[in-house]
Structure formats: C-alpha cells, structure tokens
Amino acid sequence: MPRSRLLAASFACVALAGCGGGEERPAAPALPADSSWVPGQGALTRSQAYLAIASKAEARGERLLASHLRRLELIDARRKAAREKKRADALRRYRLERARALAKYRKAVAKAERERARQERLLAKQRAEARRRLRELLEKLHVEKGRECEIPEVQRQFDCVSGRQPLPEGTKLPEIP
C-alpha cells in the first residue's frame, strides 16, 4: 500500500511538472499578462531569469524523480530476490530433511524385514520341532487294536482307532501346521 501511494505521488509530481520535452522551456500560462499579486507587474513566466531557473529546476526534478523510481525498483528487486532466496533455502532444507527421513524410514523397514524373517525362521523351527514331538508321541501311542475295543461299553466311552491307544470320546490330537 505505501508503494502505491508513493508511485501515485510521483506521477502527480510528474504531471504537475509538465511532460518535459527535453530542451523546451515551460510554456507560459494562458492567464493575462497582469498578475493579481502585484498590480501592473507582468507574470513571472515572462521573465527570462525565471524561465532559466524554472527549466533547471524542472530538469533537476526529473532527474531526482528518475533516481527515486530507480531506487524503488531496486528495493523491489531486492525484496523479490530475498523472497526467492528464502523460498530456495526452505526448499533446500525440506529436501534435506525429507532425504534424512526417507533414509531413516528405509533403515527401519530393512530392520523390520530382517526381524520378520528371523521370526519366520524361528517359527518354522518351532513348528518342525512340534511336528517331530507329535510324531514321537504318536509312535509311543502306537499299539495294535485290542480286543477291549470290541466291548460295547468301551466303544461308547472310547474312540477306538487302529494304531493308537484309545482316547476319551471327543478328544482330538493337536494339529500342527
């Protein structure tokens, strides 16, 4: 907002100072030659001394305005460069942090994968051991079907299976995957 006010004031000064055609002298006003502030005396714009001073002042004013506008452009350019640098620095920091976070994440994923594989090997080993123990147990339980399984009371109470000792009805051997 202050910049727009400054620019508006600058343009107003330029408009009041005139268009400035280089070597041209300021145009004489369209007022009568008589000035109202001193009766009977001519206007200052008719004086060669005044016009010499006025043309120098107008040229100096144009130079000062141009210099001022250049300074404003320089300030804007510096601000823009500072914003771009700040953005570039933030983007660089973001990329560094992202790279660090991704490296940390990949390291954690690799560690979890190693742990999962270790757990899987351990579980496979435990399952193999359980199957081995079950086979040993079944070998210990292996007997030929006896004549006691022919008795109806025993058949009602036990599930007589050839090759194993009778188990109570409803009892199942554990299944190991």
C-alpha atoms as a PDB file:
ATOM      1  CA  MET A   1       0.000   0.000   0.000  1.00  0.00           C
ATOM      2  CA  PRO A   2       2.780   2.562   0.800  1.00  0.00           C
ATOM      3  CA  ARG A   3       4.435   1.806  -2.531  1.00  0.00           C
ATOM      4  CA  SER A   4       1.254   2.559  -4.476  1.00  0.00           C
ATOM      5  CA  ARG A   5       0.864   5.842  -2.609  1.00  0.00           C
ATOM      6  CA  LEU A   6       4.458   6.721  -3.395  1.00  0.00           C
ATOM      7  CA  LEU A   7       4.012   5.909  -7.059  1.00  0.00           C
ATOM      8  CA  ALA A   8       0.786   7.941  -7.205  1.00  0.00           C
ATOM      9  CA  ALA A   9       2.561  10.911  -5.604  1.00  0.00           C
ATOM     10  CA  SER A  10       5.465  10.539  -8.060  1.00  0.00           C
ATOM     11  CA  PHE A  11       3.158  10.522 -11.051  1.00  0.00           C
ATOM     12  CA  ALA A  12       1.278  13.511  -9.675  1.00  0.00           C
ATOM     13  CA  CYS A  13       4.585  15.394  -9.394  1.00  0.00           C
ATOM     14  CA  VAL A  14       5.460  14.496 -12.963  1.00  0.00           C
ATOM     15  CA  ALA A  15       2.034  15.614 -14.167  1.00  0.00           C
ATOM     16  CA  LEU A  16       2.312  18.923 -12.311  1.00  0.00           C
ATOM     17  CA  ALA A  17       5.849  19.489 -13.529  1.00  0.00           C
ATOM     18  CA  GLY A  18       4.789  19.007 -17.128  1.00  0.00           C
ATOM     19  CA  CYS A  19       5.570  16.496 -19.793  1.00  0.00           C
ATOM     20  CA  GLY A  20       9.117  17.727 -20.222  1.00  0.00           C
ATOM     21  CA  GLY A  21      10.135  17.753 -23.853  1.00  0.00           C
ATOM     22  CA  GLY A  22      13.864  17.904 -23.245  1.00  0.00           C
ATOM     23  CA  GLU A  23      15.181  21.386 -24.235  1.00  0.00           C
ATOM     24  CA  GLU A  24      11.791  23.071 -24.276  1.00  0.00           C
ATOM     25  CA  ARG A  25      11.106  25.844 -21.811  1.00  0.00           C
ATOM     26  CA  PRO A  26       7.996  25.762 -19.676  1.00  0.00           C
ATOM     27  CA  ALA A  27       5.014  27.136 -21.530  1.00  0.00           C
ATOM     28  CA  ALA A  28       3.662  30.470 -20.476  1.00  0.00           C
ATOM     29  CA  PRO A  29       0.313  30.275 -18.715  1.00  0.00           C
ATOM     30  CA  ALA A  30      -2.820  31.257 -20.572  1.00  0.00           C
ATOM     31  CA  LEU A  31      -3.531  33.915 -17.946  1.00  0.00           C
ATOM     32  CA  PRO A  32      -3.431  37.613 -18.731  1.00  0.00           C
ATOM     33  CA  ALA A  33      -0.025  39.235 -18.575  1.00  0.00           C
ATOM     34  CA  ASP A  34      -1.020  41.131 -15.477  1.00  0.00           C
ATOM     35  CA  SER A  35      -0.504  39.322 -12.225  1.00  0.00           C
ATOM     36  CA  SER A  36      -3.009  39.713  -9.447  1.00  0.00           C
ATOM     37  CA  TRP A  37      -0.453  39.777  -6.662  1.00  0.00           C
ATOM     38  CA  VAL A  38       1.269  42.961  -7.778  1.00  0.00           C
ATOM     39  CA  PRO A  39      -0.981  45.172  -9.828  1.00  0.00           C
ATOM     40  CA  GLY A  40       0.520  46.315 -13.092  1.00  0.00           C
ATOM     41  CA  GLN A  41       3.506  43.942 -12.962  1.00  0.00           C
ATOM     42  CA  GLY A  42       3.910  41.180 -15.584  1.00  0.00           C
ATOM     43  CA  ALA A  43       3.779  37.463 -14.805  1.00  0.00           C
ATOM     44  CA  LEU A  44       6.961  35.655 -13.763  1.00  0.00           C
ATOM     45  CA  THR A  45       6.641  33.285 -16.703  1.00  0.00           C
ATOM     46  CA  ARG A  46       7.506  36.224 -18.965  1.00  0.00           C
ATOM     47  CA  SER A  47      10.818  36.748 -17.182  1.00  0.00           C
ATOM     48  CA  GLN A  48      13.865  35.144 -18.835  1.00  0.00           C
ATOM     49  CA  ALA A  49      15.625  34.779 -15.477  1.00  0.00           C
ATOM     50  CA  TYR A  50      12.640  32.934 -14.006  1.00  0.00           C
ATOM     51  CA  LEU A  51      12.390  30.671 -17.043  1.00  0.00           C
ATOM     52  CA  ALA A  52      16.112  29.819 -16.805  1.00  0.00           C
ATOM     53  CA  ILE A  53      15.758  28.891 -13.153  1.00  0.00           C
ATOM     54  CA  ALA A  54      12.472  27.035 -13.764  1.00  0.00           C
ATOM     55  CA  SER A  55      13.906  24.971 -16.611  1.00  0.00           C
ATOM     56  CA  LYS A  56      16.939  23.992 -14.464  1.00  0.00           C
ATOM     57  CA  ALA A  57      14.631  23.102 -11.569  1.00  0.00           C
ATOM     58  CA  GLU A  58      12.383  21.061 -13.830  1.00  0.00           C
ATOM     59  CA  ALA A  59      15.348  19.129 -15.263  1.00  0.00           C
ATOM     60  CA  ARG A  60      16.678  18.527 -11.759  1.00  0.00           C
ATOM     61  CA  GLY A  61      13.227  17.382 -10.604  1.00  0.00           C
ATOM     62  CA  GLU A  62      13.014  14.917 -13.490  1.00  0.00           C
ATOM     63  CA  ARG A  63      16.458  13.543 -12.636  1.00  0.00           C
ATOM     64  CA  LEU A  64      15.513  13.226  -8.954  1.00  0.00           C
ATOM     65  CA  LEU A  65      12.245  11.503  -9.851  1.00  0.00           C
ATOM     66  CA  ALA A  66      14.019   9.081 -12.182  1.00  0.00           C
ATOM     67  CA  SER A  67      16.609   8.400  -9.480  1.00  0.00           C
ATOM     68  CA  HIS A  68      13.862   7.865  -6.926  1.00  0.00           C
ATOM     69  CA  LEU A  69      11.985   5.480  -9.225  1.00  0.00           C
ATOM     70  CA  ARG A  70      15.227   3.554  -9.865  1.00  0.00           C
ATOM     71  CA  ARG A  71      15.734   3.243  -6.102  1.00  0.00           C
ATOM     72  CA  LEU A  72      12.165   1.945  -5.723  1.00  0.00           C
ATOM     73  CA  GLU A  73      12.757  -0.609  -8.471  1.00  0.00           C
ATOM     74  CA  LEU A  74      15.996  -1.635  -6.783  1.00  0.00           C
ATOM     75  CA  ILE A  75      14.205  -2.058  -3.454  1.00  0.00           C
ATOM     76  CA  ASP A  76      11.518  -4.178  -5.136  1.00  0.00           C
ATOM     77  CA  ALA A  77      14.164  -6.264  -6.872  1.00  0.00           C
ATOM     78  CA  ARG A  78      15.987  -6.815  -3.566  1.00  0.00           C
ATOM     79  CA  ARG A  79      12.758  -7.818  -1.842  1.00  0.00           C
ATOM     80  CA  LYS A  80      11.926 -10.230  -4.633  1.00  0.00           C
ATOM     81  CA  ALA A  81      15.445 -11.690  -4.511  1.00  0.00           C
ATOM     82  CA  ALA A  82      15.173 -12.061  -0.722  1.00  0.00           C
ATOM     83  CA  ARG A  83      11.814 -13.850  -1.082  1.00  0.00           C
ATOM     84  CA  GLU A  84      13.249 -16.159  -3.738  1.00  0.00           C
ATOM     85  CA  LYS A  85      16.315 -16.887  -1.606  1.00  0.00           C
ATOM     86  CA  LYS A  86      14.145 -17.580   1.425  1.00  0.00           C
ATOM     87  CA  ARG A  87      11.974 -19.931  -0.639  1.00  0.00           C
ATOM     88  CA  ALA A  88      15.019 -21.668  -2.133  1.00  0.00           C
ATOM     89  CA  ASP A  89      16.557 -22.089   1.335  1.00  0.00           C
ATOM     90  CA  ALA A  90      13.297 -23.502   2.710  1.00  0.00           C
ATOM     91  CA  LEU A  91      13.040 -25.880  -0.244  1.00  0.00           C
ATOM     92  CA  ARG A  92      16.661 -26.985   0.256  1.00  0.00           C
ATOM     93  CA  ARG A  93      16.047 -27.588   3.986  1.00  0.00           C
ATOM     94  CA  TYR A  94      12.857 -29.506   3.157  1.00  0.00           C
ATOM     95  CA  ARG A  95      14.697 -31.719   0.681  1.00  0.00           C
ATOM     96  CA  LEU A  96      17.482 -32.413   3.180  1.00  0.00           C
ATOM     97  CA  GLU A  97      15.005 -33.277   5.944  1.00  0.00           C
ATOM     98  CA  ARG A  98      13.000 -35.440   3.535  1.00  0.00           C
ATOM     99  CA  ALA A  99      16.143 -37.295   2.469  1.00  0.00           C
ATOM    100  CA  ARG A 100      17.081 -37.875   6.118  1.00  0.00           C
ATOM    101  CA  ALA A 101      13.568 -39.047   6.973  1.00  0.00           C
ATOM    102  CA  LEU A 102      13.470 -41.390   3.974  1.00  0.00           C
ATOM    103  CA  ALA A 103      16.866 -42.840   4.890  1.00  0.00           C
ATOM    104  CA  LYS A 104      15.680 -43.380   8.459  1.00  0.00           C
ATOM    105  CA  TYR A 105      12.427 -44.928   7.197  1.00  0.00           C
ATOM    106  CA  ARG A 106      14.242 -47.266   4.792  1.00  0.00           C
ATOM    107  CA  LYS A 107      16.610 -48.307   7.564  1.00  0.00           C
ATOM    108  CA  ALA A 108      13.648 -49.064   9.855  1.00  0.00           C
ATOM    109  CA  VAL A 109      11.877 -51.015   7.083  1.00  0.00           C
ATOM    110  CA  ALA A 110      15.011 -53.086   6.432  1.00  0.00           C
ATOM    111  CA  LYS A 111      15.372 -53.767  10.166  1.00  0.00           C
ATOM    112  CA  ALA A 112      11.703 -54.791  10.417  1.00  0.00           C
ATOM    113  CA  GLU A 113      12.113 -57.065   7.388  1.00  0.00           C
ATOM    114  CA  ARG A 114      15.165 -58.723   8.962  1.00  0.00           C
ATOM    115  CA  GLU A 115      13.241 -59.150  12.225  1.00  0.00           C
ATOM    116  CA  ARG A 116      10.238 -60.592  10.374  1.00  0.00           C
ATOM    117  CA  ALA A 117      12.478 -63.059   8.530  1.00  0.00           C
ATOM    118  CA  ARG A 118      14.147 -64.023  11.828  1.00  0.00           C
ATOM    119  CA  GLN A 119      10.751 -64.540  13.462  1.00  0.00           C
ATOM    120  CA  GLU A 120       9.612 -66.596  10.471  1.00  0.00           C
ATOM    121  CA  ARG A 121      12.719 -68.828  10.706  1.00  0.00           C
ATOM    122  CA  LEU A 122      12.196 -69.220  14.461  1.00  0.00           C
ATOM    123  CA  LEU A 123       8.519 -70.086  13.956  1.00  0.00           C
ATOM    124  CA  ALA A 124       9.389 -72.606  11.231  1.00  0.00           C
ATOM    125  CA  LYS A 125      11.935 -74.175  13.564  1.00  0.00           C
ATOM    126  CA  GLN A 126       9.358 -74.338  16.380  1.00  0.00           C
ATOM    127  CA  ARG A 127       6.762 -75.902  14.055  1.00  0.00           C
ATOM    128  CA  ALA A 128       9.264 -78.506  12.879  1.00  0.00           C
ATOM    129  CA  GLU A 129      10.110 -79.306  16.498  1.00  0.00           C
ATOM    130  CA  ALA A 130       6.416 -79.580  17.387  1.00  0.00           C
ATOM    131  CA  ARG A 131       5.796 -81.921  14.410  1.00  0.00           C
ATOM    132  CA  ARG A 132       8.789 -84.019  15.460  1.00  0.00           C
ATOM    133  CA  ARG A 133       7.480 -84.270  19.047  1.00  0.00           C
ATOM    134  CA  LEU A 134       3.993 -85.153  17.773  1.00  0.00           C
ATOM    135  CA  ARG A 135       5.449 -87.919  15.603  1.00  0.00           C
ATOM    136  CA  GLU A 136       7.390 -89.260  18.613  1.00  0.00           C
ATOM    137  CA  LEU A 137       4.246 -89.105  20.740  1.00  0.00           C
ATOM    138  CA  LEU A 138       2.225 -90.900  18.089  1.00  0.00           C
ATOM    139  CA  GLU A 139       4.938 -93.572  17.828  1.00  0.00           C
ATOM    140  CA  LYS A 140       4.747 -94.046  21.613  1.00  0.00           C
ATOM    141  CA  LEU A 141       0.954 -94.256  21.431  1.00  0.00           C
ATOM    142  CA  HIS A 142       1.020 -96.747  18.558  1.00  0.00           C
ATOM    143  CA  VAL A 143      -0.496-100.073  19.552  1.00  0.00           C
ATOM    144  CA  GLU A 144      -2.482-102.675  17.753  1.00  0.00           C
ATOM    145  CA  LYS A 145      -6.195-102.547  18.164  1.00  0.00           C
ATOM    146  CA  GLY A 146      -7.043-104.793  21.085  1.00  0.00           C
ATOM    147  CA  ARG A 147      -9.987-106.946  21.897  1.00  0.00           C
ATOM    148  CA  GLU A 148     -11.181-104.479  24.529  1.00  0.00           C
ATOM    149  CA  CYS A 149     -12.478-102.230  21.738  1.00  0.00           C
ATOM    150  CA  GLU A 150     -14.948-104.951  20.840  1.00  0.00           C
ATOM    151  CA  ILE A 151     -16.792-104.410  24.100  1.00  0.00           C
ATOM    152  CA  PRO A 152     -19.782-102.058  23.541  1.00  0.00           C
ATOM    153  CA  GLU A 153     -19.249-100.166  26.822  1.00  0.00           C
ATOM    154  CA  VAL A 154     -15.618 -99.440  25.889  1.00  0.00           C
ATOM    155  CA  GLN A 155     -16.627 -98.411  22.372  1.00  0.00           C
ATOM    156  CA  ARG A 156     -19.154 -95.945  23.808  1.00  0.00           C
ATOM    157  CA  GLN A 157     -16.578 -94.405  26.125  1.00  0.00           C
ATOM    158  CA  PHE A 158     -13.519 -94.510  23.819  1.00  0.00           C
ATOM    159  CA  ASP A 159     -12.875 -93.812  20.177  1.00  0.00           C
ATOM    160  CA  CYS A 160     -11.006 -96.979  19.244  1.00  0.00           C
ATOM    161  CA  VAL A 161      -8.726 -96.315  16.309  1.00  0.00           C
ATOM    162  CA  SER A 162      -6.351 -98.880  14.951  1.00  0.00           C
ATOM    163  CA  GLY A 163      -2.779 -97.948  15.621  1.00  0.00           C
ATOM    164  CA  ARG A 164      -3.360 -95.763  18.683  1.00  0.00           C
ATOM    165  CA  GLN A 165      -4.266 -96.149  22.271  1.00  0.00           C
ATOM    166  CA  PRO A 166      -7.911 -95.432  22.921  1.00  0.00           C
ATOM    167  CA  LEU A 167      -8.629 -91.778  23.608  1.00  0.00           C
ATOM    168  CA  PRO A 168     -11.608 -90.472  25.574  1.00  0.00           C
ATOM    169  CA  GLU A 169     -14.553 -89.667  23.308  1.00  0.00           C
ATOM    170  CA  GLY A 170     -14.351 -86.155  21.802  1.00  0.00           C
ATOM    171  CA  THR A 171     -10.621 -85.804  22.430  1.00  0.00           C
ATOM    172  CA  LYS A 172      -8.631 -84.791  19.370  1.00  0.00           C
ATOM    173  CA  LEU A 173      -4.950 -84.822  18.771  1.00  0.00           C
ATOM    174  CA  PRO A 174      -3.481 -81.354  18.317  1.00  0.00           C
ATOM    175  CA  GLU A 175      -2.860 -80.310  14.736  1.00  0.00           C
ATOM    176  CA  ILE A 176       0.355 -78.542  13.997  1.00  0.00           C
ATOM    177  CA  PRO A 177       0.544 -76.545  10.804  1.00  0.00           C
END
